[in-house]
Amino acid sequence: MDNQQFMAQMAQFTSLEQTQRLNGKLDQLITNQGPRCSRSASSAGPSKSRPPPAV
């Protein structure tokens, strides 16, 4: 493996590592925000629906 190939592979590993960290952070955010979002939606009251369009 020459130097250029080695550097390209290192860049791919770095990108993969960053993607995995981002995925972990997004999972944490979803876990932490999920209960808050569902509580907010349930406390907003009943939703109003539009009447059907006249034909």
Protein backbone atom coordinates (compact mmCIF):
# COMPACT_ATOMS: atom_id res chain seq x y z
CA MET A 1 0.00 0.00 0.00
CA ASP A 2 1.52 3.30 -1.01
CA ASN A 3 1.29 6.55 0.93
CA GLN A 4 -1.56 7.97 -1.16
CA GLN A 5 -3.71 4.86 -0.63
CA PHE A 6 -2.92 4.90 3.07
CA MET A 7 -3.97 8.54 3.43
CA ALA A 8 -7.18 7.90 1.47
CA GLN A 9 -8.03 5.00 3.76
CA MET A 10 -7.29 7.09 6.86
CA ALA A 11 -9.64 9.79 5.57
CA GLN A 12 -12.37 7.19 5.07
CA PHE A 13 -11.91 5.86 8.61
CA THR A 14 -12.03 9.39 10.01
CA SER A 15 -15.23 10.13 8.10
CA LEU A 16 -16.78 6.87 9.33
CA GLU A 17 -15.83 7.65 12.93
CA GLN A 18 -17.36 11.13 12.70
CA THR A 19 -20.54 9.70 11.20
CA GLN A 20 -20.82 7.16 14.02
CA ARG A 21 -20.35 9.88 16.64
CA LEU A 22 -23.00 12.04 14.98
CA ASN A 23 -25.38 9.08 14.90
CA GLY A 24 -24.84 8.52 18.62
CA LYS A 25 -25.52 12.18 19.37
CA LEU A 26 -28.71 12.10 17.28
CA ASP A 27 -29.85 8.99 19.13
CA GLN A 28 -29.30 10.80 22.45
CA LEU A 29 -31.20 13.84 21.21
CA ILE A 30 -34.14 11.74 20.05
CA THR A 31 -34.19 9.85 23.34
CA ASN A 32 -34.11 13.06 25.38
CA GLN A 33 -36.57 15.02 23.25
CA GLY A 34 -39.06 12.25 22.51
CA PRO A 35 -40.96 12.39 25.83
CA ARG A 36 -41.00 16.19 25.75
CA CYS A 37 -42.46 16.28 22.24
CA SER A 38 -45.20 13.80 23.04
CA ARG A 39 -46.13 15.72 26.22
CA SER A 40 -46.28 18.98 24.28
CA ALA A 41 -48.49 17.45 21.62
CA SER A 42 -50.88 15.94 24.14
CA SER A 43 -51.18 19.17 26.13
CA ALA A 44 -51.95 21.24 23.04
CA GLY A 45 -55.60 20.23 23.12
CA PRO A 46 -57.79 18.59 20.53
CA SER A 47 -56.89 19.17 16.92
CA LYS A 48 -59.42 20.87 14.69
CA SER A 49 -60.18 19.27 11.39
CA ARG A 50 -61.44 21.01 8.30
CA PRO A 51 -64.90 20.25 6.99
CA PRO A 52 -64.98 18.28 3.74
CA PRO A 53 -64.93 20.43 0.58
CA ALA A 54 -68.29 21.20 -1.01
CA VAL A 55 -68.90 19.50 -4.33
